[in-house]
Amino acid sequence: MAAAVGYRAILGRLGFTQDAQVFISDPSRGGFDTLESLDVLVSGDPTGGNFVKSMRRPGGDSSNGVLVSFRAETNFKSLLFYLRHKKRTNRTVALTDITLVNISALAMRQEKEIEDKANFMTPKNPKFDPDDWAQSAENVLDLVSKHPGVTGIPLSYVLRDTLRVKAEADDPAFGVVDSEYASMEEEMISRASILSSTAVATMTDAELEDVGPFTDIFLMDSAKVYDLLTTLFGDKEYYTYIRNAGKKKNAINGSGRKAWFALFKHFVGPNFLEHIQTTSEATLRSLKYMGEGRKFNYEQFVTAQKREHHRLENLERHGGRKLTESEKLRYFKQGLQHSALENIKIFIANDAACRASYDKSVDAVKEFIRNQMQAVPSALRVASVGVENHASSLTADEVAECDMWMKQEDWDKKPIAEKKRIFELRKKLRNERKKNGVAPNPTLKKAEAKVKNEKKKSRGLKKQNESLKRRISAMSRVTVKEEHVSDDDDSVEEQTNANHPALTRGPAIKKKGKKRKS
């Protein structure tokens, strides 16, 4: 009796009149006399629009209906969405939980889901790199999560690691203190039901993966995931792992989930993990920073190293091994090959904070490079990597200045005397390298060739310009002569069809040939 009174009180708070409350609770009319009975509307009429219409015009006859205000209808729709959200996140609802504040808190979420469903656009397929499985797996999960399931839950819940849902008491909801969820989407993905309520609690997860039983909603969503995976990997050689799971697409075990984990098992096997580990470490060993070049600088060097760190860290939860801070620092210091960085490498080795943190060492070198570039712009500039050292009469700074690539506008700003000095240094260095059998700087050689080509083009354009000037001058002289000839001059005979040389018959021309014998 107390539950019925409390239920009627909830309907009153929503804005329903006494007649409307009786209509909803009457078994022969509305038939929804308890909070649990509204579950039919949650599944069949989520917005409650059809039910409210039947209240106003039962059987199409408004004379037997009840008055339902717009406020009551809006609150009733919010109540149904609130109950739906609690159901799909496996959380119980008490009568005391249903307040206008609580149900209104999900109003924006309700509008967002309606808008997203109406404006849904198929997202673009992500790139998949088998050599970076961890990042590629995240890209696939991100793609799947953009597709909503039957109840509006992101489909990535189908591919989560765990089958079972945590106990509600140990898992605070989103927005509650100590909650581990950063969004409602995360909570739905983590707490959506995969197993049916009839699943045996004593069975292992491996056994449940094979036999279930699974919820009907999960099976429908899993079939949709299988279709997405087929679209994404249908033209790849490893599609066979997905296809084998697809043979049981409509079976009890859920094809999308089995297809994903079959592919997952292939890419995170022990041999494949070892291959990724070896490849990443080889890449770290090969990365060299030789100075600030046009195509490779310090920022790119650090970014390339962190990309490999991230790849190995992603594989850690799949059985791989991430790099320690000391290993990161070792590869980092080995990659700093420019001679001007020896002092900062010594500082890193002796500083406790830098020895303990890769990021602090990166920042320290970055600051050192910035200060060096401000003091001596050419100190860390290089045009290429890999030019051999040789005995030279030039100083290290002069060699760096010769090999430095600079923009045209920077070169134009230099005084003529400075340009001549650099030209002389470059000529001297080029001759020394040629004498010692050292290949010339490729970037500088390319820049000099570009200048020569531009000069050659300039000379060609200059010749064309002179030729055009001569032709225009000649045409101008002819025009002036014609202007001096008078129109009434009798010496100039008017040309007509009668005297045109092409239309008049000239004197007969005798043809040469043998004379006929008479």
Protein backbone atom coordinates (compact mmCIF):
# COMPACT_ATOMS: atom_id res chain seq x y z
CA MET A 1 0.00 0.00 0.00
CA ALA A 2 2.84 2.39 0.83
CA ALA A 3 4.47 1.65 -2.53
CA ALA A 4 1.22 2.49 -4.36
CA VAL A 5 0.92 5.77 -2.46
CA GLY A 6 4.51 6.63 -3.21
CA TYR A 7 4.02 5.79 -6.90
CA ARG A 8 0.95 8.05 -7.11
CA ALA A 9 2.93 10.80 -5.38
CA ILE A 10 5.59 10.54 -8.10
CA LEU A 11 2.95 10.95 -10.81
CA GLY A 12 1.64 14.00 -8.96
CA ARG A 13 5.14 15.55 -8.85
CA LEU A 14 5.42 15.03 -12.60
CA GLY A 15 2.33 17.23 -13.08
CA PHE A 16 -0.45 14.67 -13.69
CA THR A 17 -3.93 15.52 -12.39
CA GLN A 18 -5.85 13.19 -10.09
CA ASP A 19 -7.85 11.85 -13.04
CA ALA A 20 -4.63 11.22 -15.00
CA GLN A 21 -3.09 9.40 -12.03
CA VAL A 22 -6.12 7.16 -11.78
CA PHE A 23 -6.03 6.50 -15.55
CA ILE A 24 -2.35 5.47 -15.45
CA SER A 25 -2.78 3.24 -12.38
CA ASP A 26 -6.11 1.64 -13.36
CA PRO A 27 -5.42 -1.95 -14.57
CA SER A 28 -8.32 -1.73 -17.04
CA ARG A 29 -7.13 1.55 -18.59
CA GLY A 30 -3.45 2.47 -18.27
CA GLY A 31 -2.34 -0.60 -16.43
CA PHE A 32 0.89 0.88 -15.05
CA ASP A 33 0.34 0.65 -11.33
CA THR A 34 3.98 0.18 -10.28
CA LEU A 35 7.34 1.63 -11.25
CA GLU A 36 8.44 -1.77 -12.59
CA SER A 37 5.43 -1.96 -14.90
CA LEU A 38 6.68 1.10 -16.79
CA ASP A 39 9.44 -1.11 -18.20
CA VAL A 40 7.05 -1.99 -21.05
CA LEU A 41 7.00 1.65 -22.11
CA VAL A 42 10.75 1.98 -21.65
CA SER A 43 11.29 -0.75 -24.24
CA GLY A 44 8.31 -0.27 -26.58
CA ASP A 45 7.51 3.45 -26.39
CA PRO A 46 10.67 5.15 -25.07
CA THR A 47 9.33 8.69 -25.44
CA GLY A 48 5.88 7.88 -24.04
CA GLY A 49 4.24 9.89 -26.82
CA ASN A 50 1.82 7.17 -27.91
CA PHE A 51 0.71 6.46 -24.35
CA VAL A 52 0.03 10.14 -23.60
CA LYS A 53 -2.00 10.34 -26.82
CA SER A 54 -4.09 7.36 -25.71
CA MET A 55 -4.71 9.08 -22.37
CA ARG A 56 -6.08 12.17 -24.09
CA ARG A 57 -8.10 10.25 -26.69
CA PRO A 58 -8.60 6.63 -25.58
CA GLY A 59 -9.87 4.68 -28.56
CA GLY A 60 -9.88 7.92 -30.56
CA ASP A 61 -12.64 9.39 -28.41
CA SER A 62 -11.64 12.56 -26.57
CA SER A 63 -14.84 12.56 -24.48
CA ASN A 64 -13.54 9.67 -22.42
CA GLY A 65 -9.98 11.05 -22.12
CA VAL A 66 -8.17 12.92 -19.38
CA LEU A 67 -6.35 16.23 -19.40
CA VAL A 68 -2.54 15.94 -19.65
CA SER A 69 -0.61 19.19 -19.52
CA PHE A 70 2.52 19.84 -21.59
CA ARG A 71 4.54 19.98 -18.37
CA ALA A 72 3.32 16.55 -17.29
CA GLU A 73 4.01 15.08 -20.75
CA THR A 74 7.57 16.49 -20.81
CA ASN A 75 8.35 15.22 -17.31
CA PHE A 76 6.88 11.81 -18.14
CA LYS A 77 9.19 11.50 -21.17
CA SER A 78 12.14 12.46 -18.96
CA LEU A 79 11.10 9.79 -16.43
CA LEU A 80 11.02 7.09 -19.10
CA PHE A 81 14.49 8.08 -20.38
CA TYR A 82 15.79 8.09 -16.79
CA LEU A 83 14.48 4.55 -16.25
CA ARG A 84 15.89 3.46 -19.61
CA HIS A 85 19.35 4.82 -18.77
CA LYS A 86 19.35 3.12 -15.37
CA LYS A 87 18.34 -0.16 -17.01
CA ARG A 88 21.07 -0.09 -19.67
CA THR A 89 23.72 0.67 -17.01
CA ASN A 90 22.45 -2.12 -14.71
CA ARG A 91 21.48 0.13 -11.84
CA THR A 92 18.44 -0.26 -9.60
CA VAL A 93 15.90 2.55 -9.09
CA ALA A 94 14.03 3.25 -5.87
CA LEU A 95 10.94 5.43 -5.56
CA THR A 96 12.94 7.94 -3.57
CA ASP A 97 15.40 8.33 -6.48
CA ILE A 98 12.75 9.75 -8.78
CA THR A 99 12.75 13.48 -8.31
CA LEU A 100 12.40 16.28 -10.82
CA VAL A 101 16.03 17.19 -10.22
CA ASN A 102 17.30 13.68 -11.01
CA ILE A 103 15.22 13.07 -14.11
CA SER A 104 15.86 16.58 -15.45
CA ALA A 105 19.61 16.02 -15.14
CA LEU A 106 19.38 13.61 -18.09
CA ALA A 107 17.27 15.89 -20.27
CA MET A 108 20.28 17.19 -22.22
CA ARG A 109 21.51 13.63 -22.71
CA GLN A 110 18.10 12.64 -24.06
CA GLU A 111 18.09 15.51 -26.57
CA LYS A 112 21.66 14.69 -27.65
CA GLU A 113 20.82 11.05 -28.40
CA ILE A 114 17.77 12.06 -30.42
CA GLU A 115 19.80 14.63 -32.38
CA ASP A 116 22.71 12.22 -32.95
CA LYS A 117 20.34 9.56 -34.26
CA ALA A 118 18.69 11.99 -36.65
CA ASN A 119 21.97 13.43 -37.95
CA PHE A 120 24.06 10.25 -37.91
CA MET A 121 26.79 10.09 -40.57
CA THR A 122 28.91 7.01 -41.14
CA PRO A 123 32.42 7.84 -39.82
CA LYS A 124 35.45 7.41 -42.03
CA ASN A 125 37.38 4.17 -41.63
CA PRO A 126 40.66 4.64 -39.72
CA LYS A 127 44.11 3.55 -40.85
CA PHE A 128 45.23 0.14 -39.65
CA ASP A 129 48.93 -0.58 -39.23
CA PRO A 130 49.67 -4.22 -38.32
CA ASP A 131 53.12 -3.18 -37.03
CA ASP A 132 51.48 -0.87 -34.50
CA TRP A 133 48.64 -3.07 -33.36
CA ALA A 134 47.98 -1.30 -30.05
CA GLN A 135 47.38 2.09 -31.71
CA SER A 136 45.43 0.49 -34.55
CA ALA A 137 43.22 -1.35 -32.04
CA GLU A 138 42.44 1.97 -30.35
CA ASN A 139 41.50 3.42 -33.75
CA VAL A 140 39.13 0.50 -34.42
CA LEU A 141 37.52 0.81 -30.98
CA ASP A 142 37.08 4.52 -31.56
CA LEU A 143 35.34 3.81 -34.87
CA VAL A 144 33.04 1.19 -33.33
CA SER A 145 32.17 3.49 -30.41
CA LYS A 146 30.84 6.09 -32.86
CA HIS A 147 28.09 3.65 -33.88
CA PRO A 148 25.20 3.38 -31.39
CA GLY A 149 23.66 0.04 -30.48
CA VAL A 150 20.00 -0.91 -30.20
CA THR A 151 19.54 0.94 -26.90
CA GLY A 152 21.87 3.83 -27.75
CA ILE A 153 24.96 2.38 -26.03
CA PRO A 154 28.19 2.79 -28.06
CA LEU A 155 28.88 -0.52 -29.82
CA SER A 156 32.40 -0.70 -28.38
CA TYR A 157 30.87 -2.32 -25.27
CA VAL A 158 30.65 -5.49 -27.37
CA LEU A 159 34.48 -5.57 -27.57
CA ARG A 160 35.35 -4.79 -23.97
CA ASP A 161 37.69 -7.15 -22.11
CA THR A 162 35.34 -8.24 -19.32
CA LEU A 163 32.05 -10.12 -19.68
CA ARG A 164 30.70 -9.50 -16.20
CA VAL A 165 29.57 -6.20 -14.73
CA LYS A 166 30.90 -4.92 -11.40
CA ALA A 167 28.61 -4.92 -8.38
CA GLU A 168 26.64 -1.68 -8.21
CA ALA A 169 27.75 -0.94 -4.64
CA ASP A 170 31.43 -1.09 -5.69
CA ASP A 171 31.03 0.98 -8.83
CA PRO A 172 29.74 4.56 -8.25
CA ALA A 173 27.83 6.12 -11.14
CA PHE A 174 29.14 8.92 -13.31
CA GLY A 175 28.94 12.25 -11.52
CA VAL A 176 29.09 10.66 -8.06
CA VAL A 177 32.09 11.08 -5.76
CA ASP A 178 34.78 8.41 -6.29
CA SER A 179 33.35 7.43 -9.68
CA GLU A 180 35.96 6.10 -12.15
CA TYR A 181 33.98 7.24 -15.18
CA ALA A 182 34.81 10.45 -17.03
CA SER A 183 31.60 10.39 -19.11
CA MET A 184 28.25 8.67 -19.44
CA GLU A 185 29.54 6.86 -22.50
CA GLU A 186 32.31 5.24 -20.44
CA GLU A 187 29.80 4.12 -17.82
CA MET A 188 27.46 2.63 -20.43
CA ILE A 189 30.30 0.77 -22.17
CA SER A 190 31.57 -0.64 -18.88
CA ARG A 191 28.19 -1.59 -17.36
CA ALA A 192 26.10 -2.68 -20.36
CA SER A 193 24.83 -6.26 -20.09
CA ILE A 194 26.50 -8.90 -22.24
CA LEU A 195 25.50 -11.99 -20.30
CA SER A 196 21.90 -12.89 -19.60
CA SER A 197 20.63 -13.00 -16.03
CA THR A 198 20.46 -16.80 -16.33
CA ALA A 199 24.25 -17.11 -16.76
CA VAL A 200 25.85 -19.48 -14.27
CA ALA A 201 27.89 -17.48 -11.77
CA THR A 202 30.34 -20.32 -11.10
CA MET A 203 31.44 -20.68 -14.73
CA THR A 204 34.74 -19.18 -15.86
CA ASP A 205 34.93 -16.32 -18.34
CA ALA A 206 36.40 -18.65 -20.98
CA GLU A 207 33.41 -20.98 -20.63
CA LEU A 208 30.95 -18.09 -20.72
CA GLU A 209 32.58 -16.76 -23.92
CA ASP A 210 31.63 -20.02 -25.64
CA VAL A 211 28.18 -20.82 -24.27
CA GLY A 212 26.84 -17.61 -22.73
CA PRO A 213 23.93 -17.21 -22.44
CA PHE A 214 23.90 -13.70 -23.90
CA THR A 215 21.23 -11.03 -23.91
CA ASP A 216 19.20 -10.54 -27.08
CA ILE A 217 20.32 -6.93 -27.33
CA PHE A 218 23.97 -7.97 -27.15
CA LEU A 219 23.54 -10.54 -29.93
CA MET A 220 21.97 -7.92 -32.21
CA ASP A 221 24.72 -5.43 -31.43
CA SER A 222 27.42 -8.06 -31.91
CA ALA A 223 26.09 -8.82 -35.39
CA LYS A 224 26.39 -5.12 -36.24
CA VAL A 225 29.99 -5.10 -35.00
CA TYR A 226 30.75 -8.08 -37.23
CA ASP A 227 29.46 -6.14 -40.25
CA LEU A 228 31.69 -3.19 -39.31
CA LEU A 229 34.76 -5.41 -39.00
CA THR A 230 33.98 -7.03 -42.35
CA THR A 231 33.78 -3.61 -44.00
CA LEU A 232 37.06 -2.55 -42.39
CA PHE A 233 39.14 -5.70 -42.98
CA GLY A 234 37.35 -7.38 -45.89
CA ASP A 235 40.21 -6.76 -48.33
CA LYS A 236 43.05 -7.63 -45.90
CA GLU A 237 44.93 -10.94 -45.81
CA TYR A 238 44.07 -11.46 -42.13
CA TYR A 239 40.32 -11.27 -42.84
CA THR A 240 40.26 -15.06 -42.57
CA TYR A 241 40.22 -14.75 -38.77
CA ILE A 242 37.07 -12.66 -38.95
CA ARG A 243 35.43 -14.85 -41.58
CA ASN A 244 35.82 -18.00 -39.49
CA ALA A 245 33.95 -16.34 -36.61
CA GLY A 246 31.35 -15.08 -39.08
CA LYS A 247 30.26 -18.61 -39.89
CA LYS A 248 28.44 -18.48 -36.55
CA LYS A 249 27.12 -14.98 -37.08
CA ASN A 250 23.62 -15.75 -35.83
CA ALA A 251 24.65 -18.35 -33.28
CA ILE A 252 24.57 -18.04 -29.53
CA ASN A 253 28.17 -16.87 -29.10
CA GLY A 254 28.00 -13.47 -30.79
CA SER A 255 30.08 -13.22 -33.98
CA GLY A 256 31.40 -9.66 -33.68
CA ARG A 257 33.03 -10.23 -30.32
CA LYS A 258 34.56 -13.59 -31.33
CA ALA A 259 35.85 -12.15 -34.63
CA TRP A 260 37.54 -9.26 -32.84
CA PHE A 261 39.28 -11.43 -30.26
CA ALA A 262 40.39 -13.91 -32.93
CA LEU A 263 42.08 -11.04 -34.75
CA PHE A 264 43.37 -9.71 -31.45
CA LYS A 265 44.94 -13.05 -30.54
CA HIS A 266 46.75 -13.17 -33.88
CA PHE A 267 48.33 -9.73 -33.45
CA VAL A 268 49.33 -9.98 -29.80
CA GLY A 269 50.88 -13.42 -29.91
CA PRO A 270 54.35 -13.82 -28.33
CA ASN A 271 56.17 -13.85 -31.67
CA PHE A 272 54.43 -10.75 -32.92
CA LEU A 273 55.09 -8.87 -29.66
CA GLU A 274 58.77 -9.74 -29.88
CA HIS A 275 58.84 -8.47 -33.47
CA ILE A 276 57.32 -5.12 -32.45
CA GLN A 277 59.75 -4.81 -29.52
CA THR A 278 62.75 -5.46 -31.76
CA THR A 279 61.53 -3.11 -34.49
CA SER A 280 60.89 -0.23 -32.08
CA GLU A 281 64.26 -0.52 -30.38
CA ALA A 282 66.02 -0.68 -33.76
CA THR A 283 64.21 2.49 -34.79
CA LEU A 284 65.32 4.23 -31.58
CA ARG A 285 68.93 3.25 -32.22
CA SER A 286 68.81 4.61 -35.76
CA LEU A 287 67.40 8.02 -34.84
CA LYS A 288 70.16 10.65 -34.93
CA TYR A 289 70.03 14.37 -34.24
CA MET A 290 72.81 16.11 -36.19
CA GLY A 291 71.57 19.67 -35.79
CA GLU A 292 68.77 21.96 -36.93
CA GLY A 293 68.19 21.02 -40.58
CA ARG A 294 65.53 22.00 -43.04
CA LYS A 295 63.90 18.57 -43.08
CA PHE A 296 64.77 17.24 -39.63
CA ASN A 297 65.11 19.19 -36.41
CA TYR A 298 65.12 18.57 -32.66
CA GLU A 299 61.32 18.57 -32.29
CA GLN A 300 60.98 15.93 -34.98
CA PHE A 301 63.74 13.87 -33.38
CA VAL A 302 61.95 13.87 -30.00
CA THR A 303 58.55 13.20 -31.58
CA ALA A 304 59.90 10.17 -33.43
CA GLN A 305 61.35 8.79 -30.17
CA LYS A 306 58.12 9.34 -28.23
CA ARG A 307 56.14 7.60 -30.96
CA GLU A 308 58.15 4.43 -30.33
CA HIS A 309 57.80 4.84 -26.54
CA HIS A 310 54.03 5.10 -26.93
CA ARG A 311 53.88 2.04 -29.15
CA LEU A 312 55.68 -0.10 -26.57
CA GLU A 313 53.63 1.30 -23.67
CA ASN A 314 50.40 0.34 -25.46
CA LEU A 315 51.63 -3.24 -25.79
CA GLU A 316 52.39 -3.56 -22.10
CA ARG A 317 48.86 -4.60 -21.14
CA HIS A 318 48.96 -7.25 -23.87
CA GLY A 319 52.12 -8.87 -22.53
CA GLY A 320 54.74 -6.59 -24.04
CA ARG A 321 57.46 -4.69 -22.21
CA LYS A 322 57.71 -0.92 -22.09
CA LEU A 323 61.02 0.94 -21.85
CA THR A 324 62.33 2.11 -18.51
CA GLU A 325 63.37 5.73 -18.01
CA SER A 326 67.04 4.74 -18.10
CA GLU A 327 66.55 2.96 -21.44
CA LYS A 328 64.76 6.00 -22.89
CA LEU A 329 67.62 8.25 -21.74
CA ARG A 330 70.22 5.91 -23.19
CA TYR A 331 68.65 6.00 -26.66
CA PHE A 332 68.11 9.75 -26.30
CA LYS A 333 71.76 10.53 -25.49
CA GLN A 334 73.00 8.15 -28.17
CA GLY A 335 70.94 10.04 -30.72
CA LEU A 336 72.45 13.46 -29.88
CA GLN A 337 75.30 13.38 -32.40
CA HIS A 338 76.09 17.07 -32.87
CA SER A 339 79.46 18.06 -31.40
CA ALA A 340 78.00 21.24 -29.87
CA LEU A 341 75.81 19.11 -27.54
CA GLU A 342 78.61 17.43 -25.60
CA ASN A 343 78.34 19.85 -22.67
CA ILE A 344 74.59 19.40 -22.25
CA LYS A 345 75.01 15.60 -22.41
CA ILE A 346 77.47 15.84 -19.52
CA PHE A 347 74.99 18.02 -17.61
CA ILE A 348 72.22 15.42 -18.11
CA ALA A 349 74.49 12.64 -16.86
CA ASN A 350 75.30 14.58 -13.65
CA ASP A 351 71.90 16.14 -12.88
CA ALA A 352 69.70 13.98 -10.63
CA ALA A 353 66.41 15.31 -11.99
CA CYS A 354 67.44 14.70 -15.62
CA ARG A 355 68.75 11.22 -14.84
CA ALA A 356 65.37 10.30 -13.35
CA SER A 357 63.15 11.74 -16.10
CA TYR A 358 63.30 11.50 -19.87
CA ASP A 359 60.99 14.51 -20.26
CA LYS A 360 63.19 16.73 -18.07
CA SER A 361 66.23 15.80 -20.14
CA VAL A 362 64.34 16.62 -23.34
CA ASP A 363 63.37 20.04 -21.96
CA ALA A 364 66.94 20.72 -20.82
CA VAL A 365 68.37 20.03 -24.30
CA LYS A 366 65.59 22.05 -25.90
CA GLU A 367 66.44 25.06 -23.75
CA PHE A 368 70.16 24.63 -24.50
CA ILE A 369 69.52 24.55 -28.26
CA ARG A 370 67.32 27.63 -28.06
CA ASN A 371 69.99 29.60 -26.20
CA GLN A 372 72.71 28.44 -28.59
CA MET A 373 70.68 29.42 -31.65
CA GLN A 374 70.07 32.88 -30.22
CA ALA A 375 73.75 33.43 -29.43
CA VAL A 376 75.21 31.90 -32.62
CA PRO A 377 72.53 31.23 -35.26
CA SER A 378 74.81 28.90 -37.20
CA ALA A 379 75.95 26.89 -34.18
CA LEU A 380 73.47 24.03 -34.62
CA ARG A 381 72.43 24.52 -38.22
CA VAL A 382 73.18 21.70 -40.64
CA ALA A 383 72.17 21.11 -44.19
CA SER A 384 72.44 17.36 -44.15
CA VAL A 385 73.29 14.37 -42.02
CA GLY A 386 76.21 12.03 -42.56
CA VAL A 387 79.01 14.22 -44.05
CA GLU A 388 82.31 12.71 -42.99
CA ASN A 389 84.81 14.60 -40.89
CA HIS A 390 88.18 15.42 -42.46
CA ALA A 391 91.18 17.56 -41.74
CA SER A 392 90.38 21.15 -42.67
CA SER A 393 92.02 24.52 -42.26
CA LEU A 394 88.58 25.95 -41.42
CA THR A 395 87.23 26.08 -37.91
CA ALA A 396 84.15 24.07 -36.87
CA ASP A 397 82.03 27.23 -36.89
CA GLU A 398 83.24 28.14 -40.39
CA VAL A 399 82.42 24.63 -41.67
CA ALA A 400 78.97 24.84 -40.09
CA GLU A 401 78.49 28.26 -41.67
CA CYS A 402 79.45 26.88 -45.09
CA ASP A 403 77.09 23.93 -44.78
CA MET A 404 74.23 26.00 -43.36
CA TRP A 405 71.14 26.26 -45.50
CA MET A 406 69.31 29.58 -45.31
CA LYS A 407 66.28 31.14 -46.89
CA GLN A 408 66.70 33.51 -49.82
CA GLU A 409 65.38 36.49 -47.88
CA ASP A 410 67.95 35.86 -45.12
CA TRP A 411 70.75 35.69 -47.69
CA ASP A 412 69.63 38.92 -49.37
CA LYS A 413 69.88 40.78 -46.06
CA LYS A 414 73.59 40.02 -45.71
CA PRO A 415 76.12 42.71 -46.74
CA ILE A 416 78.05 42.19 -49.96
CA ALA A 417 81.32 41.77 -48.06
CA GLU A 418 79.79 39.03 -45.92
CA LYS A 419 78.50 37.22 -49.01
CA LYS A 420 81.96 37.33 -50.61
CA ARG A 421 83.54 35.97 -47.44
CA ILE A 422 81.08 33.03 -47.34
CA PHE A 423 81.65 32.33 -51.05
CA GLU A 424 85.40 32.17 -50.46
CA LEU A 425 84.97 29.85 -47.48
CA ARG A 426 82.67 27.56 -49.42
CA LYS A 427 85.09 27.42 -52.34
CA LYS A 428 87.97 26.58 -50.02
CA LEU A 429 85.98 23.91 -48.18
CA ARG A 430 84.76 22.37 -51.44
CA ASN A 431 88.32 22.09 -52.75
CA GLU A 432 89.52 20.54 -49.49
CA ARG A 433 86.73 17.97 -49.51
CA LYS A 434 87.43 17.13 -53.12
CA LYS A 435 91.12 16.69 -52.33
CA ASN A 436 90.33 14.42 -49.36
CA GLY A 437 87.77 12.36 -51.29
CA VAL A 438 84.81 13.56 -49.22
CA ALA A 439 81.47 13.95 -50.96
CA PRO A 440 80.25 17.55 -51.13
CA ASN A 441 77.38 18.64 -48.98
CA PRO A 442 74.32 17.38 -50.94
CA THR A 443 71.90 20.04 -49.77
CA LEU A 444 74.38 22.85 -50.42
CA LYS A 445 75.19 21.35 -53.80
CA LYS A 446 71.50 21.24 -54.62
CA ALA A 447 71.09 24.86 -53.52
CA GLU A 448 74.03 25.98 -55.70
CA ALA A 449 72.60 24.05 -58.65
CA LYS A 450 69.28 25.76 -58.09
CA VAL A 451 70.96 29.17 -58.17
CA LYS A 452 72.77 28.25 -61.40
CA ASN A 453 69.53 27.12 -63.00
CA GLU A 454 67.82 30.35 -61.98
CA LYS A 455 70.67 32.38 -63.47
CA LYS A 456 70.48 30.33 -66.65
CA LYS A 457 66.75 30.91 -66.90
CA SER A 458 67.32 34.60 -66.24
CA ARG A 459 69.84 34.82 -69.11
CA GLY A 460 67.42 33.00 -71.42
CA LEU A 461 64.60 35.35 -70.50
CA LYS A 462 66.91 38.32 -71.07
CA LYS A 463 67.76 37.09 -74.59
CA GLN A 464 64.08 36.57 -75.38
CA ASN A 465 63.35 40.07 -74.14
CA GLU A 466 66.07 41.60 -76.38
CA SER A 467 64.77 39.66 -79.38
CA LEU A 468 61.23 40.89 -78.78
CA LYS A 469 62.48 44.46 -78.48
CA ARG A 470 64.23 44.18 -81.88
CA ARG A 471 61.15 42.77 -83.54
CA ILE A 472 58.90 45.47 -82.07
CA SER A 473 61.36 48.16 -83.20
CA ALA A 474 61.37 46.76 -86.75
CA MET A 475 57.57 46.65 -86.86
CA SER A 476 57.45 50.25 -85.63
CA ARG A 477 59.70 51.44 -88.51
CA VAL A 478 57.45 49.75 -91.11
CA THR A 479 54.39 51.40 -89.60
CA VAL A 480 56.02 54.83 -89.76
CA LYS A 481 56.87 54.38 -93.49
CA GLU A 482 53.28 53.46 -94.33
CA GLU A 483 51.97 56.51 -92.48
CA HIS A 484 54.17 58.80 -94.69
CA VAL A 485 52.60 57.49 -97.91
CA SER A 486 49.72 59.80 -99.03
CA ASP A 487 46.33 58.34 -99.83
CA ASP A 488 45.91 60.54 -103.02
CA ASP A 489 49.37 59.73 -104.43
CA ASP A 490 48.91 58.70 -108.09
CA SER A 491 52.12 56.70 -107.99
CA VAL A 492 50.40 54.11 -105.84
CA GLU A 493 47.97 52.15 -107.90
CA GLU A 494 44.86 50.98 -106.11
CA GLN A 495 44.76 47.21 -106.05
CA THR A 496 41.56 45.51 -107.25
CA ASN A 497 40.52 42.11 -108.54
CA ALA A 498 41.29 43.33 -112.05
CA ASN A 499 44.94 43.98 -111.43
CA HIS A 500 45.63 41.59 -108.54
CA PRO A 501 48.67 39.49 -109.56
CA ALA A 502 47.12 36.30 -108.29
CA LEU A 503 43.97 36.79 -110.40
CA THR A 504 45.45 38.07 -113.69
CA ARG A 505 46.73 35.80 -116.44
CA GLY A 506 50.29 36.44 -117.34
CA PRO A 507 51.96 35.83 -120.72
CA ALA A 508 51.88 32.31 -122.03
CA ILE A 509 54.89 30.24 -121.10
CA LYS A 510 56.14 27.78 -123.64
CA LYS A 511 56.67 24.34 -122.29
CA LYS A 512 59.84 22.58 -123.14
CA GLY A 513 59.48 19.23 -124.84
CA LYS A 514 60.29 17.16 -127.90
CA LYS A 515 59.03 18.48 -131.19
CA ARG A 516 56.69 16.23 -133.07
CA LYS A 517 57.82 15.03 -136.42
CA SER A 518 55.65 16.33 -139.18
